[in-house]
Amino acid sequence: MHFENEVGVKIRNEWQKASLNLLYTCGFLFNGYESFFKRYGLTTQQYNALRILRDNYPSPLSTSGLRDKMLDKMSDTSRLVSRLNAKGFVDVKQNPHDKRLVNIVLSEKGHRLMASIEPELDLLDSLMHSLSEEEAKQLSELLNRVRASIKTASKRIRAATPAETN
């Protein structure tokens, strides 16, 4: 089935088609990730935070340091950390040098959870197995270029004069 028929949108040009297709496909990928991590009582964002803390262990991260490394920069990291702390997956302590900050590290229970998830991560990779490894590499390179374009787009959008509406 063609993308236009699947989403019921008249496409203006190939750039619009590519961006809408990317958003649409992202939803499928996100749902696959959410279903996978739900088996462990986690959201994708919670797993991402735990992965970052595991990779940074034993060094602690602050809430802002964690947010900077998150895939979703808009997440409410304080609330996310509170939920992970309530589940016992992270330890949170006040920073001794700056009382406004907290130090977050992966707890022993968090390490055990991550170790149990690790062998199953190939299941997530299988979401992309309709592509060859070379095609997956090419897609990643194209997405890097798209992100670079998006990062500079805000300047172009701010500089553009809005069309008058009547």
Protein backbone atom coordinates (compact mmCIF):
# COMPACT_ATOMS: atom_id res chain seq x y z
CA MET A 1 0.00 0.00 0.00
CA HIS A 2 1.26 3.48 -0.83
CA PHE A 3 1.96 5.83 2.07
CA GLU A 4 -0.49 8.46 0.79
CA ASN A 5 -3.35 5.94 0.81
CA GLU A 6 -2.38 4.57 4.20
CA VAL A 7 -2.55 7.96 5.94
CA GLY A 8 -5.09 9.66 3.67
CA VAL A 9 -3.04 12.78 2.98
CA LYS A 10 -2.51 14.62 -0.27
CA ILE A 11 1.24 15.07 -0.58
CA ARG A 12 2.63 18.46 -1.72
CA ASN A 13 6.17 17.25 -2.51
CA GLU A 14 8.75 14.59 -1.71
CA TRP A 15 10.10 16.48 1.34
CA GLN A 16 6.65 16.54 2.92
CA LYS A 17 6.19 12.87 2.03
CA ALA A 18 9.52 11.97 3.62
CA SER A 19 8.87 13.94 6.83
CA LEU A 20 5.31 12.60 7.26
CA ASN A 21 6.52 9.08 6.46
CA LEU A 22 9.23 9.45 9.08
CA LEU A 23 6.72 10.63 11.71
CA TYR A 24 4.32 7.84 10.81
CA THR A 25 7.04 5.17 10.91
CA CYS A 26 8.39 6.57 14.18
CA GLY A 27 5.02 5.79 15.76
CA PHE A 28 5.30 2.14 14.74
CA LEU A 29 8.87 1.92 16.04
CA PHE A 30 7.95 3.67 19.30
CA ASN A 31 5.01 1.29 19.86
CA GLY A 32 7.32 -1.68 19.31
CA TYR A 33 9.77 -0.33 21.88
CA GLU A 34 6.99 0.45 24.37
CA SER A 35 5.58 -3.09 24.05
CA PHE A 36 9.02 -4.59 24.60
CA PHE A 37 9.87 -2.54 27.71
CA LYS A 38 6.36 -2.94 29.16
CA ARG A 39 7.30 -6.61 29.77
CA TYR A 40 9.83 -5.28 32.30
CA GLY A 41 7.51 -2.71 33.86
CA LEU A 42 9.31 0.16 32.12
CA THR A 43 8.64 2.82 29.53
CA THR A 44 11.08 3.48 26.71
CA GLN A 45 12.14 6.71 28.44
CA GLN A 46 12.76 4.91 31.73
CA TYR A 47 14.90 2.30 29.97
CA ASN A 48 16.82 5.07 28.19
CA ALA A 49 17.56 6.74 31.54
CA LEU A 50 18.67 3.44 33.08
CA ARG A 51 20.89 2.71 30.05
CA ILE A 52 22.57 6.11 30.39
CA LEU A 53 23.12 5.63 34.12
CA ARG A 54 24.51 2.12 33.54
CA ASP A 55 26.91 3.41 30.89
CA ASN A 56 28.00 6.23 33.23
CA TYR A 57 28.36 3.99 36.31
CA PRO A 58 29.92 4.39 38.84
CA SER A 59 29.96 8.15 38.20
CA PRO A 60 26.72 9.88 39.20
CA LEU A 61 24.74 12.17 36.91
CA SER A 62 22.65 15.18 37.82
CA THR A 63 19.09 15.49 36.55
CA SER A 64 20.21 17.99 33.90
CA GLY A 65 23.18 15.80 32.94
CA LEU A 66 20.81 12.88 32.45
CA ARG A 67 18.38 15.01 30.41
CA ASP A 68 21.21 16.13 28.12
CA LYS A 69 21.90 12.50 27.19
CA MET A 70 18.26 11.40 26.82
CA LEU A 71 16.85 10.59 23.39
CA ASP A 72 13.81 12.73 24.25
CA LYS A 73 15.18 16.07 25.45
CA MET A 74 11.67 17.24 26.37
CA SER A 75 11.09 14.57 29.02
CA ASP A 76 10.36 15.56 32.61
CA THR A 77 13.56 14.07 33.95
CA SER A 78 12.83 14.90 37.60
CA ARG A 79 9.56 12.96 37.50
CA LEU A 80 11.22 10.14 35.55
CA VAL A 81 13.98 9.83 38.17
CA SER A 82 11.38 9.91 40.98
CA ARG A 83 9.54 6.97 39.40
CA LEU A 84 12.74 4.99 38.91
CA ASN A 85 13.76 5.74 42.49
CA ALA A 86 10.35 4.58 43.78
CA LYS A 87 10.87 1.29 41.90
CA GLY A 88 14.33 0.95 43.48
CA PHE A 89 16.22 1.10 40.16
CA VAL A 90 18.22 4.24 40.99
CA ASP A 91 19.75 5.79 44.07
CA VAL A 92 19.35 9.56 44.47
CA LYS A 93 21.47 11.58 46.86
CA GLN A 94 21.93 15.29 47.34
CA ASN A 95 25.08 16.64 45.69
CA PRO A 96 27.49 17.54 48.54
CA HIS A 97 28.99 20.45 46.56
CA ASP A 98 25.74 21.99 45.30
CA LYS A 99 22.63 21.47 47.42
CA ARG A 100 20.40 22.37 44.45
CA LEU A 101 21.54 19.27 42.55
CA VAL A 102 21.09 15.56 43.10
CA ASN A 103 23.46 12.73 42.18
CA ILE A 104 21.76 9.82 40.43
CA VAL A 105 23.33 6.37 40.05
CA LEU A 106 22.01 3.00 38.98
CA SER A 107 21.19 0.86 42.03
CA GLU A 108 22.04 -2.83 42.41
CA LYS A 109 18.41 -3.66 41.55
CA GLY A 110 18.75 -1.46 38.45
CA HIS A 111 21.91 -3.34 37.43
CA ARG A 112 20.08 -6.67 37.78
CA LEU A 113 17.17 -5.41 35.67
CA MET A 114 19.50 -4.15 32.94
CA ALA A 115 21.34 -7.48 32.93
CA SER A 116 18.03 -9.30 32.43
CA ILE A 117 17.03 -7.03 29.52
CA GLU A 118 20.39 -7.15 27.72
CA PRO A 119 20.06 -10.63 26.16
CA GLU A 120 16.63 -9.74 24.76
CA LEU A 121 17.64 -6.52 22.96
CA ASP A 122 18.01 -8.41 19.66
CA LEU A 123 14.21 -8.51 19.59
CA LEU A 124 14.23 -4.72 19.19
CA ASP A 125 16.76 -4.97 16.37
CA SER A 126 14.37 -7.32 14.59
CA LEU A 127 11.97 -4.39 14.13
CA MET A 128 14.35 -3.20 11.40
CA HIS A 129 15.20 -6.56 9.82
CA SER A 130 13.36 -5.76 6.59
CA LEU A 131 16.52 -3.73 5.86
CA SER A 132 19.93 -5.21 5.18
CA GLU A 133 22.73 -4.12 7.49
CA GLU A 134 24.07 -1.90 4.70
CA GLU A 135 20.61 -0.33 4.20
CA ALA A 136 20.33 0.28 7.96
CA LYS A 137 23.71 2.04 7.86
CA GLN A 138 22.57 4.14 4.89
CA LEU A 139 19.32 5.02 6.68
CA SER A 140 21.29 6.14 9.75
CA GLU A 141 23.48 8.36 7.59
CA LEU A 142 20.43 9.90 5.94
CA LEU A 143 18.80 10.50 9.31
CA ASN A 144 21.98 12.24 10.53
CA ARG A 145 21.64 14.61 7.58
CA VAL A 146 17.94 15.17 8.32
CA ARG A 147 18.73 16.03 11.95
CA ALA A 148 21.41 18.50 10.85
CA SER A 149 18.87 20.15 8.54
CA ILE A 150 16.25 20.30 11.29
CA LYS A 151 18.71 21.89 13.72
CA THR A 152 19.29 24.75 11.27
CA ALA A 153 15.65 24.97 10.18
CA SER A 154 14.59 27.00 13.21
CA LYS A 155 16.75 29.88 11.97
CA ARG A 156 15.16 29.69 8.51
CA ILE A 157 11.66 29.49 9.98
CA ARG A 158 12.20 32.47 12.32
CA ALA A 159 13.60 34.52 9.44
CA ALA A 160 10.64 33.78 7.17
CA THR A 161 7.79 36.30 7.13
CA PRO A 162 4.44 34.64 7.84
CA ALA A 163 1.92 34.80 5.03
CA GLU A 164 -0.99 37.12 5.72
CA THR A 165 -4.29 35.43 6.49
CA ASN A 166 -7.65 37.01 5.82
